[in-house]
Amino acid sequence: MGYSLLSQFQGSLLGVSLGLFYKSFTAVSATAETCFHSNDSLTSNHLPHHCLSLILRGMNHLIAQKGRIWEDWHQIWQTPQNFMSNNGQGQTSHLLLQQGYLAEIATLPLMLFFHENPCCLRQHLQQFAQLGQSQGLETRVELLALGEAIAYLLKPSLSLQQLIPQMLTQIPPEAQLAQQLTQVSSLLQSGASLETVTHCLMSASASTLPQQLNTHLAIAIYCFLSTPTAFSLSVRRAMKIHPESSLTCGITAALSGAHNGLPSLPTPWKLKLRRQVHFDSIASEAAKASIPIDRYILNQSAQLFQVWAGLYSPLHPDQNPLTSLIVAAPWSLPN
């Protein structure tokens, strides 16, 4: 798309935040559009705040540790278990599935940071899948597939027609996601209507929670690829197909933001995010900031990019880079 990598970092991280809260931005209600019975733990008003907290904690950890991870990630990932327990949920199979579902949101900063190193990214995602006791095949498969998608979208030259084939290289043929992505590819090629897509992707997942959870990534891929240059339309389409899940909208927004960059994000949505999110409800680090939540996410995204680029001391957003940086040809500066 011609956007800078910094813009793509910011577009993805702020985009996922907008997607998570999109349901609260609108008057959309899950009535006749709902294709399965709602689940309180998935539709909780607190869940988007919790997901955003995980993203910010993971991003701040990568910045503080200069990309060296795993020292404190066990503590970071402990929050989903506490969150579920505080909402009256025990260590059930549903809880473990939801932890795997949340892992895809929590690891977005990780996917961005290691996007150019496929071996390192796969290793870290496989380790992260085990932190939440979500060692099932589908959890690891979806983490690897989403990581591959994010990395591919950050390439300077790409063909969106190759996104699904690229994701399938990370997925065992017997995995449910492989079959779903193949179906998505067929639906896109045939130009199927939204009603047809909703029926095909959701009818098989109408009965049980595991099937509902295992469908969200395929829906997000469809919504992005069907309108690849329209951020708001992709997220609205995700809400239309999967109205009960703010996380499906979040992943769709992360993909579209990574591809289209920061300029694609609607300004009215950013203003609504400011009204929906209070710093003290997401992260202690953000509670100390005196800036709106969207600006805080952009600032931290810029610092994450600086660490990725190898800057030893990331600049504070208020600093003037012209007085703080020295730009020179490689190997031209004295030791």
C-alpha atoms as a PDB file:
ATOM      1  CA  MET A   1       0.000   0.000   0.000  1.00  0.00           C
ATOM      2  CA  GLY A   2       3.025   2.312   0.203  1.00  0.00           C
ATOM      3  CA  TYR A   3       2.641   3.145   3.898  1.00  0.00           C
ATOM      4  CA  SER A   4       5.636   3.247   6.208  1.00  0.00           C
ATOM      5  CA  LEU A   5       6.271   0.348   8.552  1.00  0.00           C
ATOM      6  CA  LEU A   6       5.724   2.689  11.501  1.00  0.00           C
ATOM      7  CA  SER A   7       2.300   3.573  10.119  1.00  0.00           C
ATOM      8  CA  GLN A   8       1.503  -0.138   9.801  1.00  0.00           C
ATOM      9  CA  PHE A   9       2.589  -0.811  13.398  1.00  0.00           C
ATOM     10  CA  GLN A  10       0.370   2.017  14.607  1.00  0.00           C
ATOM     11  CA  GLY A  11      -2.473   1.082  12.292  1.00  0.00           C
ATOM     12  CA  SER A  12      -2.549  -2.477  13.561  1.00  0.00           C
ATOM     13  CA  LEU A  13      -2.257  -1.714  17.296  1.00  0.00           C
ATOM     14  CA  LEU A  14      -4.698   1.196  17.337  1.00  0.00           C
ATOM     15  CA  GLY A  15      -6.878  -0.627  14.822  1.00  0.00           C
ATOM     16  CA  VAL A  16      -7.304  -3.687  17.032  1.00  0.00           C
ATOM     17  CA  SER A  17      -8.331  -1.368  19.875  1.00  0.00           C
ATOM     18  CA  LEU A  18     -10.999   0.255  17.705  1.00  0.00           C
ATOM     19  CA  GLY A  19     -12.219  -3.151  16.579  1.00  0.00           C
ATOM     20  CA  LEU A  20     -12.508  -4.463  20.121  1.00  0.00           C
ATOM     21  CA  PHE A  21     -14.743  -1.555  21.139  1.00  0.00           C
ATOM     22  CA  TYR A  22     -16.653  -1.206  17.875  1.00  0.00           C
ATOM     23  CA  LYS A  23     -19.695  -2.979  19.264  1.00  0.00           C
ATOM     24  CA  SER A  24     -20.004  -0.333  21.980  1.00  0.00           C
ATOM     25  CA  PHE A  25     -19.656   2.416  19.336  1.00  0.00           C
ATOM     26  CA  THR A  26     -22.867   1.400  17.627  1.00  0.00           C
ATOM     27  CA  ALA A  27     -26.447   0.518  18.442  1.00  0.00           C
ATOM     28  CA  VAL A  28     -26.025  -2.899  16.825  1.00  0.00           C
ATOM     29  CA  SER A  29     -27.779  -5.540  18.881  1.00  0.00           C
ATOM     30  CA  ALA A  30     -27.547  -9.271  18.508  1.00  0.00           C
ATOM     31  CA  THR A  31     -31.110 -10.135  17.542  1.00  0.00           C
ATOM     32  CA  ALA A  32     -32.112 -11.747  14.275  1.00  0.00           C
ATOM     33  CA  GLU A  33     -28.524 -11.483  13.014  1.00  0.00           C
ATOM     34  CA  THR A  34     -27.270 -13.724  15.792  1.00  0.00           C
ATOM     35  CA  CYS A  35     -26.400 -17.136  14.420  1.00  0.00           C
ATOM     36  CA  PHE A  36     -25.777 -18.863  17.738  1.00  0.00           C
ATOM     37  CA  HIS A  37     -26.698 -18.516  21.389  1.00  0.00           C
ATOM     38  CA  SER A  38     -24.730 -15.830  23.199  1.00  0.00           C
ATOM     39  CA  ASN A  39     -22.220 -16.664  25.918  1.00  0.00           C
ATOM     40  CA  ASP A  40     -21.901 -14.222  28.799  1.00  0.00           C
ATOM     41  CA  SER A  41     -18.150 -14.587  29.137  1.00  0.00           C
ATOM     42  CA  LEU A  42     -17.590 -13.754  25.478  1.00  0.00           C
ATOM     43  CA  THR A  43     -19.956 -10.790  25.340  1.00  0.00           C
ATOM     44  CA  SER A  44     -18.992  -9.227  28.667  1.00  0.00           C
ATOM     45  CA  ASN A  45     -18.624  -5.470  28.581  1.00  0.00           C
ATOM     46  CA  HIS A  46     -15.354  -5.902  30.453  1.00  0.00           C
ATOM     47  CA  LEU A  47     -13.767  -8.170  27.876  1.00  0.00           C
ATOM     48  CA  PRO A  48     -12.594  -5.446  25.437  1.00  0.00           C
ATOM     49  CA  HIS A  49     -10.974  -3.558  28.329  1.00  0.00           C
ATOM     50  CA  HIS A  50      -9.283  -6.751  29.416  1.00  0.00           C
ATOM     51  CA  CYS A  51      -7.992  -7.481  25.911  1.00  0.00           C
ATOM     52  CA  LEU A  52      -6.667  -3.944  25.526  1.00  0.00           C
ATOM     53  CA  SER A  53      -4.929  -4.272  28.876  1.00  0.00           C
ATOM     54  CA  LEU A  54      -3.168  -7.420  27.645  1.00  0.00           C
ATOM     55  CA  ILE A  55      -2.030  -5.645  24.473  1.00  0.00           C
ATOM     56  CA  LEU A  56      -0.655  -2.663  26.380  1.00  0.00           C
ATOM     57  CA  ARG A  57       1.084  -4.794  28.989  1.00  0.00           C
ATOM     58  CA  GLY A  58       2.710  -6.931  26.303  1.00  0.00           C
ATOM     59  CA  MET A  59       3.742  -3.897  24.252  1.00  0.00           C
ATOM     60  CA  ASN A  60       5.219  -2.096  27.268  1.00  0.00           C
ATOM     61  CA  HIS A  61       7.076  -5.247  28.272  1.00  0.00           C
ATOM     62  CA  LEU A  62       8.701  -5.557  24.844  1.00  0.00           C
ATOM     63  CA  ILE A  63       9.712  -1.889  24.975  1.00  0.00           C
ATOM     64  CA  ALA A  64      11.173  -2.120  28.470  1.00  0.00           C
ATOM     65  CA  GLN A  65      13.028  -5.363  27.772  1.00  0.00           C
ATOM     66  CA  LYS A  66      14.278  -4.247  24.330  1.00  0.00           C
ATOM     67  CA  GLY A  67      12.600  -7.248  22.745  1.00  0.00           C
ATOM     68  CA  ARG A  68      13.886  -9.790  25.270  1.00  0.00           C
ATOM     69  CA  ILE A  69      10.767 -11.650  26.303  1.00  0.00           C
ATOM     70  CA  TRP A  70       9.479 -14.370  28.610  1.00  0.00           C
ATOM     71  CA  GLU A  71      10.980 -13.000  31.846  1.00  0.00           C
ATOM     72  CA  ASP A  72       7.662 -11.475  32.932  1.00  0.00           C
ATOM     73  CA  TRP A  73       5.188 -12.892  30.428  1.00  0.00           C
ATOM     74  CA  HIS A  74       3.972 -15.559  32.812  1.00  0.00           C
ATOM     75  CA  GLN A  75       2.833 -12.760  35.132  1.00  0.00           C
ATOM     76  CA  ILE A  76       1.268 -10.835  32.246  1.00  0.00           C
ATOM     77  CA  TRP A  77      -0.659 -13.883  31.117  1.00  0.00           C
ATOM     78  CA  GLN A  78      -1.877 -14.588  34.645  1.00  0.00           C
ATOM     79  CA  THR A  79      -4.421 -11.796  34.208  1.00  0.00           C
ATOM     80  CA  PRO A  80      -6.771 -13.804  31.950  1.00  0.00           C
ATOM     81  CA  GLN A  81      -7.059 -16.510  34.583  1.00  0.00           C
ATOM     82  CA  ASN A  82      -7.760 -13.926  37.289  1.00  0.00           C
ATOM     83  CA  PHE A  83     -10.255 -12.175  35.034  1.00  0.00           C
ATOM     84  CA  MET A  84     -12.163 -15.365  34.291  1.00  0.00           C
ATOM     85  CA  SER A  85     -12.110 -16.455  37.935  1.00  0.00           C
ATOM     86  CA  ASN A  86     -13.387 -13.098  39.146  1.00  0.00           C
ATOM     87  CA  ASN A  87     -16.322 -13.469  36.759  1.00  0.00           C
ATOM     88  CA  GLY A  88     -17.315 -16.775  38.310  1.00  0.00           C
ATOM     89  CA  GLN A  89     -15.678 -19.178  35.890  1.00  0.00           C
ATOM     90  CA  GLY A  90     -13.694 -22.191  36.962  1.00  0.00           C
ATOM     91  CA  GLN A  91     -10.936 -24.087  35.175  1.00  0.00           C
ATOM     92  CA  THR A  92     -13.232 -25.584  32.565  1.00  0.00           C
ATOM     93  CA  SER A  93     -12.675 -26.469  28.945  1.00  0.00           C
ATOM     94  CA  HIS A  94     -14.564 -23.278  28.025  1.00  0.00           C
ATOM     95  CA  LEU A  95     -12.127 -21.209  30.073  1.00  0.00           C
ATOM     96  CA  LEU A  96      -9.100 -22.796  28.413  1.00  0.00           C
ATOM     97  CA  LEU A  97     -10.608 -22.178  24.986  1.00  0.00           C
ATOM     98  CA  GLN A  98     -11.193 -18.533  25.823  1.00  0.00           C
ATOM     99  CA  GLN A  99      -7.605 -18.189  27.042  1.00  0.00           C
ATOM    100  CA  GLY A 100      -6.442 -19.440  23.671  1.00  0.00           C
ATOM    101  CA  TYR A 101      -8.833 -16.998  22.013  1.00  0.00           C
ATOM    102  CA  LEU A 102      -7.382 -14.105  24.025  1.00  0.00           C
ATOM    103  CA  ALA A 103      -3.841 -15.210  23.185  1.00  0.00           C
ATOM    104  CA  GLU A 104      -4.327 -14.082  19.600  1.00  0.00           C
ATOM    105  CA  ILE A 105      -5.057 -10.566  20.845  1.00  0.00           C
ATOM    106  CA  ALA A 106      -2.305 -10.514  23.467  1.00  0.00           C
ATOM    107  CA  THR A 107       0.407 -11.610  21.039  1.00  0.00           C
ATOM    108  CA  LEU A 108      -0.213  -8.908  18.423  1.00  0.00           C
ATOM    109  CA  PRO A 109       2.719  -6.757  19.645  1.00  0.00           C
ATOM    110  CA  LEU A 110       4.862  -9.899  19.533  1.00  0.00           C
ATOM    111  CA  MET A 111       3.782 -10.653  15.958  1.00  0.00           C
ATOM    112  CA  LEU A 112       4.655  -7.135  14.859  1.00  0.00           C
ATOM    113  CA  PHE A 113       7.998  -7.111  16.650  1.00  0.00           C
ATOM    114  CA  PHE A 114       9.243 -10.403  15.172  1.00  0.00           C
ATOM    115  CA  HIS A 115       7.503 -10.160  11.800  1.00  0.00           C
ATOM    116  CA  GLU A 116      10.733 -10.283   9.791  1.00  0.00           C
ATOM    117  CA  ASN A 117      12.123 -13.339  11.612  1.00  0.00           C
ATOM    118  CA  PRO A 118       9.771 -16.287  10.855  1.00  0.00           C
ATOM    119  CA  CYS A 119      11.689 -18.890  12.874  1.00  0.00           C
ATOM    120  CA  CYS A 120      11.881 -16.678  15.966  1.00  0.00           C
ATOM    121  CA  LEU A 121       8.223 -15.684  15.641  1.00  0.00           C
ATOM    122  CA  ARG A 122       7.050 -19.300  15.418  1.00  0.00           C
ATOM    123  CA  GLN A 123       9.160 -20.266  18.421  1.00  0.00           C
ATOM    124  CA  HIS A 124       7.778 -17.473  20.590  1.00  0.00           C
ATOM    125  CA  LEU A 125       4.178 -18.091  19.550  1.00  0.00           C
ATOM    126  CA  GLN A 126       4.468 -21.793  20.331  1.00  0.00           C
ATOM    127  CA  GLN A 127       5.849 -20.954  23.766  1.00  0.00           C
ATOM    128  CA  PHE A 128       3.148 -18.376  24.375  1.00  0.00           C
ATOM    129  CA  ALA A 129       0.424 -20.880  23.501  1.00  0.00           C
ATOM    130  CA  GLN A 130       1.545 -22.921  26.488  1.00  0.00           C
ATOM    131  CA  LEU A 131       1.481 -20.069  29.017  1.00  0.00           C
ATOM    132  CA  GLY A 132      -2.297 -20.050  29.307  1.00  0.00           C
ATOM    133  CA  GLN A 133      -2.537 -23.841  29.530  1.00  0.00           C
ATOM    134  CA  SER A 134      -4.029 -23.759  26.026  1.00  0.00           C
ATOM    135  CA  GLN A 135      -1.859 -26.445  24.476  1.00  0.00           C
ATOM    136  CA  GLY A 136      -4.523 -27.697  22.084  1.00  0.00           C
ATOM    137  CA  LEU A 137      -3.708 -28.091  18.416  1.00  0.00           C
ATOM    138  CA  GLU A 138      -6.217 -25.481  17.266  1.00  0.00           C
ATOM    139  CA  THR A 139      -4.837 -22.811  19.627  1.00  0.00           C
ATOM    140  CA  ARG A 140      -1.273 -23.251  18.376  1.00  0.00           C
ATOM    141  CA  VAL A 141      -2.456 -23.470  14.780  1.00  0.00           C
ATOM    142  CA  GLU A 142      -4.450 -20.233  14.975  1.00  0.00           C
ATOM    143  CA  LEU A 143      -1.602 -18.360  16.676  1.00  0.00           C
ATOM    144  CA  LEU A 144       0.858 -19.456  13.983  1.00  0.00           C
ATOM    145  CA  ALA A 145      -1.615 -18.703  11.184  1.00  0.00           C
ATOM    146  CA  LEU A 146      -2.407 -15.207  12.460  1.00  0.00           C
ATOM    147  CA  GLY A 147       1.277 -14.500  13.042  1.00  0.00           C
ATOM    148  CA  GLU A 148       2.018 -15.535   9.466  1.00  0.00           C
ATOM    149  CA  ALA A 149      -0.792 -13.277   8.193  1.00  0.00           C
ATOM    150  CA  ILE A 150       0.465 -10.226  10.113  1.00  0.00           C
ATOM    151  CA  ALA A 151       4.055 -10.835   8.972  1.00  0.00           C
ATOM    152  CA  TYR A 152       2.958 -11.211   5.360  1.00  0.00           C
ATOM    153  CA  LEU A 153       0.930  -7.990   5.424  1.00  0.00           C
ATOM    154  CA  LEU A 154       3.992  -6.051   6.595  1.00  0.00           C
ATOM    155  CA  LYS A 155       6.046  -7.063   3.566  1.00  0.00           C
ATOM    156  CA  PRO A 156       6.895  -4.147   1.243  1.00  0.00           C
ATOM    157  CA  SER A 157       5.505  -5.996  -1.775  1.00  0.00           C
ATOM    158  CA  LEU A 158       2.767  -8.576  -1.508  1.00  0.00           C
ATOM    159  CA  SER A 159      -0.177 -10.102  -3.307  1.00  0.00           C
ATOM    160  CA  LEU A 160      -3.300 -10.436  -1.200  1.00  0.00           C
ATOM    161  CA  GLN A 161      -4.305 -13.424  -3.330  1.00  0.00           C
ATOM    162  CA  GLN A 162      -1.402 -15.261  -1.702  1.00  0.00           C
ATOM    163  CA  LEU A 163      -2.364 -14.465   1.890  1.00  0.00           C
ATOM    164  CA  ILE A 164      -4.437 -17.599   2.482  1.00  0.00           C
ATOM    165  CA  PRO A 165      -1.936 -19.926   0.707  1.00  0.00           C
ATOM    166  CA  GLN A 166       0.795 -18.358   2.863  1.00  0.00           C
ATOM    167  CA  MET A 167      -1.203 -19.007   6.031  1.00  0.00           C
ATOM    168  CA  LEU A 168      -1.878 -22.596   4.961  1.00  0.00           C
ATOM    169  CA  THR A 169       1.875 -23.270   4.946  1.00  0.00           C
ATOM    170  CA  GLN A 170       1.742 -23.003   8.762  1.00  0.00           C
ATOM    171  CA  ILE A 171      -1.358 -25.165   9.219  1.00  0.00           C
ATOM    172  CA  PRO A 172      -1.558 -28.983   9.222  1.00  0.00           C
ATOM    173  CA  PRO A 173      -3.987 -30.126   6.501  1.00  0.00           C
ATOM    174  CA  GLU A 174      -6.090 -31.972   9.064  1.00  0.00           C
ATOM    175  CA  ALA A 175      -6.657 -28.843  11.186  1.00  0.00           C
ATOM    176  CA  GLN A 176     -10.143 -27.365  11.179  1.00  0.00           C
ATOM    177  CA  LEU A 177      -8.751 -23.926  10.307  1.00  0.00           C
ATOM    178  CA  ALA A 178      -7.209 -25.275   7.096  1.00  0.00           C
ATOM    179  CA  GLN A 179     -10.622 -26.421   5.913  1.00  0.00           C
ATOM    180  CA  GLN A 180     -12.211 -23.108   6.900  1.00  0.00           C
ATOM    181  CA  LEU A 181      -9.605 -21.028   5.064  1.00  0.00           C
ATOM    182  CA  THR A 182     -10.006 -23.164   1.967  1.00  0.00           C
ATOM    183  CA  GLN A 183     -13.747 -22.507   2.164  1.00  0.00           C
ATOM    184  CA  VAL A 184     -13.118 -18.771   2.583  1.00  0.00           C
ATOM    185  CA  SER A 185     -10.910 -18.788  -0.514  1.00  0.00           C
ATOM    186  CA  SER A 186     -13.684 -20.450  -2.520  1.00  0.00           C
ATOM    187  CA  LEU A 187     -16.280 -17.958  -1.281  1.00  0.00           C
ATOM    188  CA  LEU A 188     -14.059 -15.028  -2.249  1.00  0.00           C
ATOM    189  CA  GLN A 189     -13.387 -16.430  -5.708  1.00  0.00           C
ATOM    190  CA  SER A 190     -17.071 -17.049  -6.366  1.00  0.00           C
ATOM    191  CA  GLY A 191     -18.100 -13.593  -5.147  1.00  0.00           C
ATOM    192  CA  ALA A 192     -20.639 -15.055  -2.754  1.00  0.00           C
ATOM    193  CA  SER A 193     -23.119 -12.719  -1.078  1.00  0.00           C
ATOM    194  CA  LEU A 194     -22.743 -11.776   2.563  1.00  0.00           C
ATOM    195  CA  GLU A 195     -25.799 -13.865   3.437  1.00  0.00           C
ATOM    196  CA  THR A 196     -24.237 -16.909   1.789  1.00  0.00           C
ATOM    197  CA  VAL A 197     -20.949 -16.340   3.565  1.00  0.00           C
ATOM    198  CA  THR A 198     -22.695 -15.957   6.921  1.00  0.00           C
ATOM    199  CA  HIS A 199     -24.597 -19.193   6.397  1.00  0.00           C
ATOM    200  CA  CYS A 200     -21.521 -21.141   5.269  1.00  0.00           C
ATOM    201  CA  LEU A 201     -19.183 -19.929   8.015  1.00  0.00           C
ATOM    202  CA  MET A 202     -21.613 -19.762  10.910  1.00  0.00           C
ATOM    203  CA  SER A 203     -24.135 -22.589  10.429  1.00  0.00           C
ATOM    204  CA  ALA A 204     -21.610 -25.252  11.380  1.00  0.00           C
ATOM    205  CA  SER A 205     -20.645 -23.333  14.528  1.00  0.00           C
ATOM    206  CA  ALA A 206     -24.106 -22.694  15.879  1.00  0.00           C
ATOM    207  CA  SER A 207     -24.216 -25.445  18.475  1.00  0.00           C
ATOM    208  CA  THR A 208     -21.151 -25.481  20.704  1.00  0.00           C
ATOM    209  CA  LEU A 209     -18.735 -22.933  22.124  1.00  0.00           C
ATOM    210  CA  PRO A 210     -15.586 -24.711  20.831  1.00  0.00           C
ATOM    211  CA  GLN A 211     -16.935 -24.511  17.294  1.00  0.00           C
ATOM    212  CA  GLN A 212     -17.864 -20.860  17.769  1.00  0.00           C
ATOM    213  CA  LEU A 213     -14.361 -19.998  18.943  1.00  0.00           C
ATOM    214  CA  ASN A 214     -12.659 -21.939  16.167  1.00  0.00           C
ATOM    215  CA  THR A 215     -14.493 -19.966  13.476  1.00  0.00           C
ATOM    216  CA  HIS A 216     -13.509 -16.400  14.332  1.00  0.00           C
ATOM    217  CA  LEU A 217     -10.146 -16.257  12.511  1.00  0.00           C
ATOM    218  CA  ALA A 218     -11.618 -17.548   9.251  1.00  0.00           C
ATOM    219  CA  ILE A 219     -14.363 -14.911   9.500  1.00  0.00           C
ATOM    220  CA  ALA A 220     -11.784 -12.183  10.129  1.00  0.00           C
ATOM    221  CA  ILE A 221      -9.753 -13.268   7.093  1.00  0.00           C
ATOM    222  CA  TYR A 222     -12.864 -13.201   4.913  1.00  0.00           C
ATOM    223  CA  CYS A 223     -13.955  -9.767   6.135  1.00  0.00           C
ATOM    224  CA  PHE A 224     -10.510  -8.311   5.489  1.00  0.00           C
ATOM    225  CA  LEU A 225      -9.924  -9.879   2.079  1.00  0.00           C
ATOM    226  CA  SER A 226     -13.430  -9.067   0.820  1.00  0.00           C
ATOM    227  CA  THR A 227     -12.795  -5.329   1.438  1.00  0.00           C
ATOM    228  CA  PRO A 228      -8.998  -5.086   1.789  1.00  0.00           C
ATOM    229  CA  THR A 229      -8.684  -1.302   1.447  1.00  0.00           C
ATOM    230  CA  ALA A 230     -11.697  -0.290   3.564  1.00  0.00           C
ATOM    231  CA  PHE A 231     -10.952  -0.550   7.293  1.00  0.00           C
ATOM    232  CA  SER A 232     -14.374   0.520   8.565  1.00  0.00           C
ATOM    233  CA  LEU A 233     -16.258  -1.664   6.078  1.00  0.00           C
ATOM    234  CA  SER A 234     -14.223  -4.740   7.028  1.00  0.00           C
ATOM    235  CA  VAL A 235     -14.970  -4.244  10.742  1.00  0.00           C
ATOM    236  CA  ARG A 236     -18.661  -3.601  10.078  1.00  0.00           C
ATOM    237  CA  ARG A 237     -18.808  -6.760   7.998  1.00  0.00           C
ATOM    238  CA  ALA A 238     -17.233  -8.737  10.866  1.00  0.00           C
ATOM    239  CA  MET A 239     -19.882  -7.412  13.240  1.00  0.00           C
ATOM    240  CA  LYS A 240     -22.612  -8.298  10.736  1.00  0.00           C
ATOM    241  CA  ILE A 241     -21.435 -11.895  10.419  1.00  0.00           C
ATOM    242  CA  HIS A 242     -20.368 -12.461  14.024  1.00  0.00           C
ATOM    243  CA  PRO A 243     -22.330  -9.944  16.145  1.00  0.00           C
ATOM    244  CA  GLU A 244     -21.624 -11.663  19.456  1.00  0.00           C
ATOM    245  CA  SER A 245     -17.841 -11.387  19.301  1.00  0.00           C
ATOM    246  CA  SER A 246     -15.862  -8.198  19.799  1.00  0.00           C
ATOM    247  CA  LEU A 247     -12.685 -10.251  19.372  1.00  0.00           C
ATOM    248  CA  THR A 248     -13.577 -11.175  15.796  1.00  0.00           C
ATOM    249  CA  CYS A 249     -13.904  -7.463  15.021  1.00  0.00           C
ATOM    250  CA  GLY A 250     -10.614  -6.852  16.815  1.00  0.00           C
ATOM    251  CA  ILE A 251      -8.661  -9.356  14.724  1.00  0.00           C
ATOM    252  CA  THR A 252     -10.268  -8.068  11.523  1.00  0.00           C
ATOM    253  CA  ALA A 253      -9.212  -4.539  12.501  1.00  0.00           C
ATOM    254  CA  ALA A 254      -5.668  -5.677  13.313  1.00  0.00           C
ATOM    255  CA  LEU A 255      -5.301  -7.209   9.840  1.00  0.00           C
ATOM    256  CA  SER A 256      -6.792  -4.219   8.028  1.00  0.00           C
ATOM    257  CA  GLY A 257      -4.792  -1.717  10.092  1.00  0.00           C
ATOM    258  CA  ALA A 258      -1.551  -3.586   9.391  1.00  0.00           C
ATOM    259  CA  HIS A 259      -2.271  -3.509   5.658  1.00  0.00           C
ATOM    260  CA  ASN A 260      -3.694  -0.010   5.269  1.00  0.00           C
ATOM    261  CA  GLY A 261      -1.707   1.846   7.901  1.00  0.00           C
ATOM    262  CA  LEU A 262      -2.696   4.559  10.344  1.00  0.00           C
ATOM    263  CA  PRO A 263      -4.449   6.869   7.807  1.00  0.00           C
ATOM    264  CA  SER A 264      -7.165   4.245   7.248  1.00  0.00           C
ATOM    265  CA  LEU A 265      -8.501   4.476  10.809  1.00  0.00           C
ATOM    266  CA  PRO A 266     -11.682   6.593  11.087  1.00  0.00           C
ATOM    267  CA  THR A 267     -11.250   9.691  13.243  1.00  0.00           C
ATOM    268  CA  PRO A 268     -14.806   9.459  14.699  1.00  0.00           C
ATOM    269  CA  TRP A 269     -13.966   5.988  15.986  1.00  0.00           C
ATOM    270  CA  LYS A 270     -10.865   7.317  17.742  1.00  0.00           C
ATOM    271  CA  LEU A 271     -12.972   9.961  19.474  1.00  0.00           C
ATOM    272  CA  LYS A 272     -15.501   7.330  20.539  1.00  0.00           C
ATOM    273  CA  LEU A 273     -12.670   5.189  21.913  1.00  0.00           C
ATOM    274  CA  ARG A 274     -11.626   8.089  24.134  1.00  0.00           C
ATOM    275  CA  ARG A 275     -15.117   8.208  25.614  1.00  0.00           C
ATOM    276  CA  GLN A 276     -15.363   4.426  26.066  1.00  0.00           C
ATOM    277  CA  VAL A 277     -11.985   3.718  27.672  1.00  0.00           C
ATOM    278  CA  HIS A 278     -10.653   5.035  30.944  1.00  0.00           C
ATOM    279  CA  PHE A 279      -6.968   4.611  31.665  1.00  0.00           C
ATOM    280  CA  ASP A 280      -7.464   3.264  35.169  1.00  0.00           C
ATOM    281  CA  SER A 281      -9.500   0.371  33.768  1.00  0.00           C
ATOM    282  CA  ILE A 282      -6.853  -0.993  31.388  1.00  0.00           C
ATOM    283  CA  ALA A 283      -3.295  -0.595  32.624  1.00  0.00           C
ATOM    284  CA  SER A 284      -1.466   1.029  35.489  1.00  0.00           C
ATOM    285  CA  GLU A 285       1.129   2.406  33.063  1.00  0.00           C
ATOM    286  CA  ALA A 286      -1.538   4.257  31.123  1.00  0.00           C
ATOM    287  CA  ALA A 287      -3.153   5.571  34.286  1.00  0.00           C
ATOM    288  CA  LYS A 288      -0.169   7.885  34.745  1.00  0.00           C
ATOM    289  CA  ALA A 289      -0.577   9.398  31.294  1.00  0.00           C
ATOM    290  CA  SER A 290      -2.370  12.672  30.798  1.00  0.00           C
ATOM    291  CA  ILE A 291      -3.219  12.043  27.162  1.00  0.00           C
ATOM    292  CA  PRO A 292      -6.157  10.323  25.449  1.00  0.00           C
ATOM    293  CA  ILE A 293      -6.040   6.559  25.053  1.00  0.00           C
ATOM    294  CA  ASP A 294      -5.651   6.644  21.281  1.00  0.00           C
ATOM    295  CA  ARG A 295      -2.650   8.974  21.556  1.00  0.00           C
ATOM    296  CA  TYR A 296      -1.126   6.765  24.236  1.00  0.00           C
ATOM    297  CA  ILE A 297      -1.429   3.703  21.984  1.00  0.00           C
ATOM    298  CA  LEU A 298       0.166   5.601  19.089  1.00  0.00           C
ATOM    299  CA  ASN A 299       3.039   6.765  21.289  1.00  0.00           C
ATOM    300  CA  GLN A 300       3.725   3.268  22.615  1.00  0.00           C
ATOM    301  CA  SER A 301       3.467   1.834  19.096  1.00  0.00           C
ATOM    302  CA  ALA A 302       6.096   4.324  17.951  1.00  0.00           C
ATOM    303  CA  GLN A 303       8.375   3.311  20.810  1.00  0.00           C
ATOM    304  CA  LEU A 304       7.865  -0.359  19.977  1.00  0.00           C
ATOM    305  CA  PHE A 305       8.858   0.406  16.389  1.00  0.00           C
ATOM    306  CA  GLN A 306      11.956   2.252  17.579  1.00  0.00           C
ATOM    307  CA  VAL A 307      13.032  -0.732  19.674  1.00  0.00           C
ATOM    308  CA  TRP A 308      12.415  -3.034  16.715  1.00  0.00           C
ATOM    309  CA  ALA A 309      14.557  -0.735  14.544  1.00  0.00           C
ATOM    310  CA  GLY A 310      17.431  -1.032  17.034  1.00  0.00           C
ATOM    311  CA  LEU A 311      17.312   2.388  18.699  1.00  0.00           C
ATOM    312  CA  TYR A 312      19.086   1.981  22.031  1.00  0.00           C
ATOM    313  CA  SER A 313      17.128   4.723  23.790  1.00  0.00           C
ATOM    314  CA  PRO A 314      13.610   5.145  22.347  1.00  0.00           C
ATOM    315  CA  LEU A 315      12.614   8.772  22.063  1.00  0.00           C
ATOM    316  CA  HIS A 316       9.743  10.180  24.063  1.00  0.00           C
ATOM    317  CA  PRO A 317       7.057  11.472  21.677  1.00  0.00           C
ATOM    318  CA  ASP A 318       7.589  15.038  22.952  1.00  0.00           C
ATOM    319  CA  GLN A 319      11.259  15.033  21.993  1.00  0.00           C
ATOM    320  CA  ASN A 320      12.326  16.683  18.777  1.00  0.00           C
ATOM    321  CA  PRO A 321      13.942  13.957  16.647  1.00  0.00           C
ATOM    322  CA  LEU A 322      15.982  16.546  14.734  1.00  0.00           C
ATOM    323  CA  THR A 323      17.893  17.372  17.917  1.00  0.00           C
ATOM    324  CA  SER A 324      17.975  13.829  19.257  1.00  0.00           C
ATOM    325  CA  LEU A 325      19.070  11.722  16.300  1.00  0.00           C
ATOM    326  CA  ILE A 326      22.195  11.512  14.203  1.00  0.00           C
ATOM    327  CA  VAL A 327      21.702  10.107  10.728  1.00  0.00           C
ATOM    328  CA  ALA A 328      24.710   8.821   8.827  1.00  0.00           C
ATOM    329  CA  ALA A 329      25.750   6.206   6.307  1.00  0.00           C
ATOM    330  CA  PRO A 330      26.578   2.742   7.696  1.00  0.00           C
ATOM    331  CA  TRP A 331      30.051   2.387   9.244  1.00  0.00           C
ATOM    332  CA  SER A 332      30.789   6.101   8.789  1.00  0.00           C
ATOM    333  CA  LEU A 333      30.667   7.068  12.472  1.00  0.00           C
ATOM    334  CA  PRO A 334      33.669   6.510  14.784  1.00  0.00           C
ATOM    335  CA  ASN A 335      33.385   3.882  17.472  1.00  0.00           C
END
